[in-house]
Amino acid sequence: MDFKNVLTVSMILFAVIDIIGSIPVIIEVRRKAGSIHAEKATITALGIMLLFLFVGENILKLIGLDLSSFAIAGALVLFFISLEMILGVRIYKDELPETASIVPIAFPLIAGAGTMTTILSLRAEYLALEIITGIVLNIVLVYLCLKNIGFLERLLGPTGIGVARKVFGFILLAIAVKLFRSNIGL
């Protein structure tokens, strides 16, 4: 295991997961759901990422999906989340708010199509142990952000949250469009 490779994998995953940029989304989901279970969300996201590292491509093939179709579906979910943030409308309506820690936080926000596609791409270049270490380092950061979301909300304040929601909503929209465009085959 090479420390430089672990650092590279960690930074790539950090950019794709973008937990810092997701803070306004998480705050909004917490407002709708009442609470976010940091442990449940991070353990679920970790499990999804590790599962996808080892058997993701085989699972997709088993159910007749290719990686591009999976990425496009994830892009559409991110697209609708970003529209909620930018326009201030509610599209995602979950009858059971206690599931908010899993959907949309663990999946697709943390362990979404972009993250899983990246993990499969990293497999071609890095050792599994280096990728696992990078995933775990990112999950620790995700957990700390989720666990301290109340503090982060107070730090930003209502105006900061509103501005961050619009800005990061637009960034999330751009990521969704890029993910869609790069997998549509045009």
C-alpha atoms as a PDB file:
ATOM      1  CA  MET A   1       0.000   0.000   0.000  1.00  0.00           C
ATOM      2  CA  ASP A   2       1.361   3.374  -1.064  1.00  0.00           C
ATOM      3  CA  PHE A   3       0.502   6.434   1.074  1.00  0.00           C
ATOM      4  CA  LYS A   4       0.573   8.697  -2.008  1.00  0.00           C
ATOM      5  CA  ASN A   5      -2.017   6.470  -3.699  1.00  0.00           C
ATOM      6  CA  VAL A   6      -4.216   6.524  -0.585  1.00  0.00           C
ATOM      7  CA  LEU A   7      -4.013  10.318  -0.559  1.00  0.00           C
ATOM      8  CA  THR A   8      -4.879  10.494  -4.269  1.00  0.00           C
ATOM      9  CA  VAL A   9      -7.843   8.113  -3.882  1.00  0.00           C
ATOM     10  CA  SER A  10      -9.028  10.032  -0.812  1.00  0.00           C
ATOM     11  CA  MET A  11      -8.897  13.376  -2.609  1.00  0.00           C
ATOM     12  CA  ILE A  12     -10.724  12.014  -5.669  1.00  0.00           C
ATOM     13  CA  LEU A  13     -13.476  10.555  -3.481  1.00  0.00           C
ATOM     14  CA  PHE A  14     -13.608  13.752  -1.391  1.00  0.00           C
ATOM     15  CA  ALA A  15     -14.276  15.766  -4.545  1.00  0.00           C
ATOM     16  CA  VAL A  16     -16.946  13.351  -5.791  1.00  0.00           C
ATOM     17  CA  ILE A  17     -18.722  12.841  -2.455  1.00  0.00           C
ATOM     18  CA  ASP A  18     -18.505  16.607  -1.761  1.00  0.00           C
ATOM     19  CA  ILE A  19     -19.822  16.394   1.798  1.00  0.00           C
ATOM     20  CA  ILE A  20     -18.970  20.052   2.428  1.00  0.00           C
ATOM     21  CA  GLY A  21     -21.010  21.118  -0.598  1.00  0.00           C
ATOM     22  CA  SER A  22     -23.831  18.830   0.550  1.00  0.00           C
ATOM     23  CA  ILE A  23     -24.277  20.566   3.902  1.00  0.00           C
ATOM     24  CA  PRO A  24     -27.183  22.756   2.661  1.00  0.00           C
ATOM     25  CA  VAL A  25     -28.930  19.665   1.249  1.00  0.00           C
ATOM     26  CA  ILE A  26     -28.455  17.789   4.522  1.00  0.00           C
ATOM     27  CA  ILE A  27     -29.802  20.732   6.519  1.00  0.00           C
ATOM     28  CA  GLU A  28     -32.858  20.889   4.249  1.00  0.00           C
ATOM     29  CA  VAL A  29     -33.475  17.132   4.529  1.00  0.00           C
ATOM     30  CA  ARG A  30     -33.138  17.346   8.316  1.00  0.00           C
ATOM     31  CA  ARG A  31     -35.719  20.145   8.402  1.00  0.00           C
ATOM     32  CA  LYS A  32     -38.163  18.021   6.403  1.00  0.00           C
ATOM     33  CA  ALA A  33     -37.499  14.747   8.216  1.00  0.00           C
ATOM     34  CA  GLY A  34     -36.952  16.084  11.723  1.00  0.00           C
ATOM     35  CA  SER A  35     -33.633  14.337  12.230  1.00  0.00           C
ATOM     36  CA  ILE A  36     -30.742  12.662  10.471  1.00  0.00           C
ATOM     37  CA  HIS A  37     -29.219   9.532  11.971  1.00  0.00           C
ATOM     38  CA  ALA A  38     -25.513  10.099  11.310  1.00  0.00           C
ATOM     39  CA  GLU A  39     -24.515   6.558  12.262  1.00  0.00           C
ATOM     40  CA  LYS A  40     -27.164   4.919  10.080  1.00  0.00           C
ATOM     41  CA  ALA A  41     -26.366   7.150   7.092  1.00  0.00           C
ATOM     42  CA  THR A  42     -22.593   6.687   7.275  1.00  0.00           C
ATOM     43  CA  ILE A  43     -22.705   2.937   7.883  1.00  0.00           C
ATOM     44  CA  THR A  44     -25.163   2.522   5.002  1.00  0.00           C
ATOM     45  CA  ALA A  45     -23.030   4.681   2.684  1.00  0.00           C
ATOM     46  CA  LEU A  46     -19.893   2.769   3.710  1.00  0.00           C
ATOM     47  CA  GLY A  47     -21.630  -0.550   3.063  1.00  0.00           C
ATOM     48  CA  ILE A  48     -22.867   0.592  -0.349  1.00  0.00           C
ATOM     49  CA  MET A  49     -19.412   1.813  -1.369  1.00  0.00           C
ATOM     50  CA  LEU A  50     -17.606  -1.323  -0.213  1.00  0.00           C
ATOM     51  CA  LEU A  51     -20.199  -3.587  -1.796  1.00  0.00           C
ATOM     52  CA  PHE A  52     -19.926  -1.678  -5.044  1.00  0.00           C
ATOM     53  CA  LEU A  53     -16.115  -1.829  -4.923  1.00  0.00           C
ATOM     54  CA  PHE A  54     -16.150  -5.608  -4.943  1.00  0.00           C
ATOM     55  CA  VAL A  55     -19.336  -6.653  -6.746  1.00  0.00           C
ATOM     56  CA  GLY A  56     -20.897  -3.507  -8.217  1.00  0.00           C
ATOM     57  CA  GLU A  57     -20.267  -4.176 -11.858  1.00  0.00           C
ATOM     58  CA  ASN A  58     -21.404  -7.801 -11.493  1.00  0.00           C
ATOM     59  CA  ILE A  59     -24.622  -6.751  -9.730  1.00  0.00           C
ATOM     60  CA  LEU A  60     -25.434  -4.287 -12.493  1.00  0.00           C
ATOM     61  CA  LYS A  61     -24.751  -6.926 -15.163  1.00  0.00           C
ATOM     62  CA  LEU A  62     -26.867  -9.453 -13.259  1.00  0.00           C
ATOM     63  CA  ILE A  63     -29.914  -7.196 -13.387  1.00  0.00           C
ATOM     64  CA  GLY A  64     -29.210  -6.193 -16.974  1.00  0.00           C
ATOM     65  CA  LEU A  65     -27.858  -2.695 -16.369  1.00  0.00           C
ATOM     66  CA  ASP A  66     -24.699  -1.109 -17.577  1.00  0.00           C
ATOM     67  CA  LEU A  67     -22.719   1.470 -15.645  1.00  0.00           C
ATOM     68  CA  SER A  68     -23.909   4.301 -17.904  1.00  0.00           C
ATOM     69  CA  SER A  69     -27.591   3.562 -17.229  1.00  0.00           C
ATOM     70  CA  PHE A  70     -26.894   3.495 -13.503  1.00  0.00           C
ATOM     71  CA  ALA A  71     -25.027   6.800 -13.701  1.00  0.00           C
ATOM     72  CA  ILE A  72     -27.853   8.421 -15.697  1.00  0.00           C
ATOM     73  CA  ALA A  73     -30.421   7.310 -13.102  1.00  0.00           C
ATOM     74  CA  GLY A  74     -28.251   8.785 -10.346  1.00  0.00           C
ATOM     75  CA  ALA A  75     -27.864  11.984 -12.360  1.00  0.00           C
ATOM     76  CA  LEU A  76     -31.643  12.335 -12.576  1.00  0.00           C
ATOM     77  CA  VAL A  77     -32.037  11.966  -8.796  1.00  0.00           C
ATOM     78  CA  LEU A  78     -29.323  14.596  -8.236  1.00  0.00           C
ATOM     79  CA  PHE A  79     -31.041  16.802 -10.820  1.00  0.00           C
ATOM     80  CA  PHE A  80     -34.316  16.805  -8.878  1.00  0.00           C
ATOM     81  CA  ILE A  81     -32.578  17.388  -5.533  1.00  0.00           C
ATOM     82  CA  SER A  82     -30.767  20.375  -7.068  1.00  0.00           C
ATOM     83  CA  LEU A  83     -34.050  21.778  -8.428  1.00  0.00           C
ATOM     84  CA  GLU A  84     -35.494  21.631  -4.918  1.00  0.00           C
ATOM     85  CA  MET A  85     -32.523  23.602  -3.631  1.00  0.00           C
ATOM     86  CA  ILE A  86     -32.498  26.232  -6.376  1.00  0.00           C
ATOM     87  CA  LEU A  87     -36.229  26.784  -6.813  1.00  0.00           C
ATOM     88  CA  GLY A  88     -37.331  26.203  -3.244  1.00  0.00           C
ATOM     89  CA  VAL A  89     -39.929  23.638  -4.298  1.00  0.00           C
ATOM     90  CA  ARG A  90     -40.519  20.231  -2.810  1.00  0.00           C
ATOM     91  CA  ILE A  91     -40.323  17.332  -5.253  1.00  0.00           C
ATOM     92  CA  TYR A  92     -39.107  14.541  -2.991  1.00  0.00           C
ATOM     93  CA  LYS A  93     -41.966  13.506  -0.724  1.00  0.00           C
ATOM     94  CA  ASP A  94     -41.285  10.580   1.544  1.00  0.00           C
ATOM     95  CA  GLU A  95     -44.175   9.308   3.635  1.00  0.00           C
ATOM     96  CA  LEU A  96     -41.735   7.902   6.204  1.00  0.00           C
ATOM     97  CA  PRO A  97     -39.363  10.699   7.263  1.00  0.00           C
ATOM     98  CA  GLU A  98     -37.209   8.300   9.302  1.00  0.00           C
ATOM     99  CA  THR A  99     -35.896   6.919   6.013  1.00  0.00           C
ATOM    100  CA  ALA A 100     -34.268  10.260   5.187  1.00  0.00           C
ATOM    101  CA  SER A 101     -30.976   9.044   6.658  1.00  0.00           C
ATOM    102  CA  ILE A 102     -30.846   6.375   3.960  1.00  0.00           C
ATOM    103  CA  VAL A 103     -32.572   8.113   1.018  1.00  0.00           C
ATOM    104  CA  PRO A 104     -31.484  10.735  -0.015  1.00  0.00           C
ATOM    105  CA  ILE A 105     -28.540  11.133   2.425  1.00  0.00           C
ATOM    106  CA  ALA A 106     -26.672   7.780   2.249  1.00  0.00           C
ATOM    107  CA  PHE A 107     -27.890   7.207  -1.293  1.00  0.00           C
ATOM    108  CA  PRO A 108     -27.592   9.089  -3.651  1.00  0.00           C
ATOM    109  CA  LEU A 109     -25.981  12.071  -1.875  1.00  0.00           C
ATOM    110  CA  ILE A 110     -22.980  10.293  -0.308  1.00  0.00           C
ATOM    111  CA  ALA A 111     -22.818   6.940  -2.102  1.00  0.00           C
ATOM    112  CA  GLY A 112     -24.483   7.922  -5.333  1.00  0.00           C
ATOM    113  CA  ALA A 113     -23.886   7.090  -8.946  1.00  0.00           C
ATOM    114  CA  GLY A 114     -20.911   9.436  -9.218  1.00  0.00           C
ATOM    115  CA  THR A 115     -19.233   7.894  -6.187  1.00  0.00           C
ATOM    116  CA  MET A 116     -19.876   4.338  -7.340  1.00  0.00           C
ATOM    117  CA  THR A 117     -18.738   5.047 -10.883  1.00  0.00           C
ATOM    118  CA  THR A 118     -15.582   6.622  -9.470  1.00  0.00           C
ATOM    119  CA  ILE A 119     -14.949   3.612  -7.231  1.00  0.00           C
ATOM    120  CA  LEU A 120     -15.177   1.273 -10.212  1.00  0.00           C
ATOM    121  CA  SER A 121     -12.808   3.518 -12.158  1.00  0.00           C
ATOM    122  CA  LEU A 122     -10.325   3.582  -9.274  1.00  0.00           C
ATOM    123  CA  ARG A 123     -10.267  -0.231  -9.234  1.00  0.00           C
ATOM    124  CA  ALA A 124      -8.430  -0.197 -12.537  1.00  0.00           C
ATOM    125  CA  GLU A 125      -5.544   1.866 -11.151  1.00  0.00           C
ATOM    126  CA  TYR A 126      -5.251   1.334  -7.380  1.00  0.00           C
ATOM    127  CA  LEU A 127      -5.116  -1.542  -4.916  1.00  0.00           C
ATOM    128  CA  ALA A 128      -8.338  -2.489  -3.144  1.00  0.00           C
ATOM    129  CA  LEU A 129      -6.736  -1.679   0.229  1.00  0.00           C
ATOM    130  CA  GLU A 130      -5.835   1.823  -0.972  1.00  0.00           C
ATOM    131  CA  ILE A 131      -9.401   2.397  -2.163  1.00  0.00           C
ATOM    132  CA  ILE A 132     -10.876   1.017   1.082  1.00  0.00           C
ATOM    133  CA  THR A 133      -8.620   3.320   3.109  1.00  0.00           C
ATOM    134  CA  GLY A 134      -9.714   6.292   0.987  1.00  0.00           C
ATOM    135  CA  ILE A 135     -13.362   5.346   1.448  1.00  0.00           C
ATOM    136  CA  VAL A 136     -12.970   5.017   5.234  1.00  0.00           C
ATOM    137  CA  LEU A 137     -11.193   8.392   5.518  1.00  0.00           C
ATOM    138  CA  ASN A 138     -14.040  10.047   3.611  1.00  0.00           C
ATOM    139  CA  ILE A 139     -16.690   8.255   5.673  1.00  0.00           C
ATOM    140  CA  VAL A 140     -15.100   9.600   8.863  1.00  0.00           C
ATOM    141  CA  LEU A 141     -15.395  13.139   7.469  1.00  0.00           C
ATOM    142  CA  VAL A 142     -18.982  12.458   6.360  1.00  0.00           C
ATOM    143  CA  TYR A 143     -19.849  11.199   9.850  1.00  0.00           C
ATOM    144  CA  LEU A 144     -18.327  14.282  11.498  1.00  0.00           C
ATOM    145  CA  CYS A 145     -20.311  16.594   9.197  1.00  0.00           C
ATOM    146  CA  LEU A 146     -23.568  14.691   9.753  1.00  0.00           C
ATOM    147  CA  LYS A 147     -23.054  14.466  13.507  1.00  0.00           C
ATOM    148  CA  ASN A 148     -22.345  18.210  13.753  1.00  0.00           C
ATOM    149  CA  ILE A 149     -24.953  19.428  11.262  1.00  0.00           C
ATOM    150  CA  GLY A 150     -26.678  21.511  13.961  1.00  0.00           C
ATOM    151  CA  PHE A 151     -23.431  23.343  14.705  1.00  0.00           C
ATOM    152  CA  LEU A 152     -22.788  23.864  10.997  1.00  0.00           C
ATOM    153  CA  GLU A 153     -26.325  25.207  10.594  1.00  0.00           C
ATOM    154  CA  ARG A 154     -25.817  27.689  13.452  1.00  0.00           C
ATOM    155  CA  LEU A 155     -22.415  28.663  12.026  1.00  0.00           C
ATOM    156  CA  LEU A 156     -23.898  29.469   8.609  1.00  0.00           C
ATOM    157  CA  GLY A 157     -27.086  31.091   9.939  1.00  0.00           C
ATOM    158  CA  PRO A 158     -30.331  31.420   7.966  1.00  0.00           C
ATOM    159  CA  THR A 159     -28.872  33.781   5.358  1.00  0.00           C
ATOM    160  CA  GLY A 160     -25.735  31.698   4.882  1.00  0.00           C
ATOM    161  CA  ILE A 161     -27.817  28.538   4.532  1.00  0.00           C
ATOM    162  CA  GLY A 162     -30.072  30.217   1.958  1.00  0.00           C
ATOM    163  CA  VAL A 163     -27.143  31.451  -0.106  1.00  0.00           C
ATOM    164  CA  ALA A 164     -25.253  28.144   0.231  1.00  0.00           C
ATOM    165  CA  ARG A 165     -28.405  26.190  -0.737  1.00  0.00           C
ATOM    166  CA  LYS A 166     -28.760  28.139  -3.991  1.00  0.00           C
ATOM    167  CA  VAL A 167     -25.041  28.055  -4.836  1.00  0.00           C
ATOM    168  CA  PHE A 168     -24.551  24.376  -4.049  1.00  0.00           C
ATOM    169  CA  GLY A 169     -27.880  23.556  -5.659  1.00  0.00           C
ATOM    170  CA  PHE A 170     -26.544  25.049  -8.863  1.00  0.00           C
ATOM    171  CA  ILE A 171     -23.247  23.145  -8.475  1.00  0.00           C
ATOM    172  CA  LEU A 172     -25.204  19.931  -7.834  1.00  0.00           C
ATOM    173  CA  LEU A 173     -27.266  20.654 -10.948  1.00  0.00           C
ATOM    174  CA  ALA A 174     -24.069  21.072 -12.975  1.00  0.00           C
ATOM    175  CA  ILE A 175     -22.709  17.782 -11.583  1.00  0.00           C
ATOM    176  CA  ALA A 176     -25.980  16.048 -12.506  1.00  0.00           C
ATOM    177  CA  VAL A 177     -25.854  17.450 -16.041  1.00  0.00           C
ATOM    178  CA  LYS A 178     -22.191  16.453 -16.424  1.00  0.00           C
ATOM    179  CA  LEU A 179     -22.887  12.930 -15.130  1.00  0.00           C
ATOM    180  CA  PHE A 180     -25.878  12.654 -17.472  1.00  0.00           C
ATOM    181  CA  ARG A 181     -24.023  14.067 -20.481  1.00  0.00           C
ATOM    182  CA  SER A 182     -20.928  11.904 -20.017  1.00  0.00           C
ATOM    183  CA  ASN A 183     -23.062   8.746 -19.862  1.00  0.00           C
ATOM    184  CA  ILE A 184     -25.732   9.468 -22.469  1.00  0.00           C
ATOM    185  CA  GLY A 185     -23.462   8.481 -25.342  1.00  0.00           C
ATOM    186  CA  LEU A 186     -23.814  11.627 -27.454  1.00  0.00           C
END
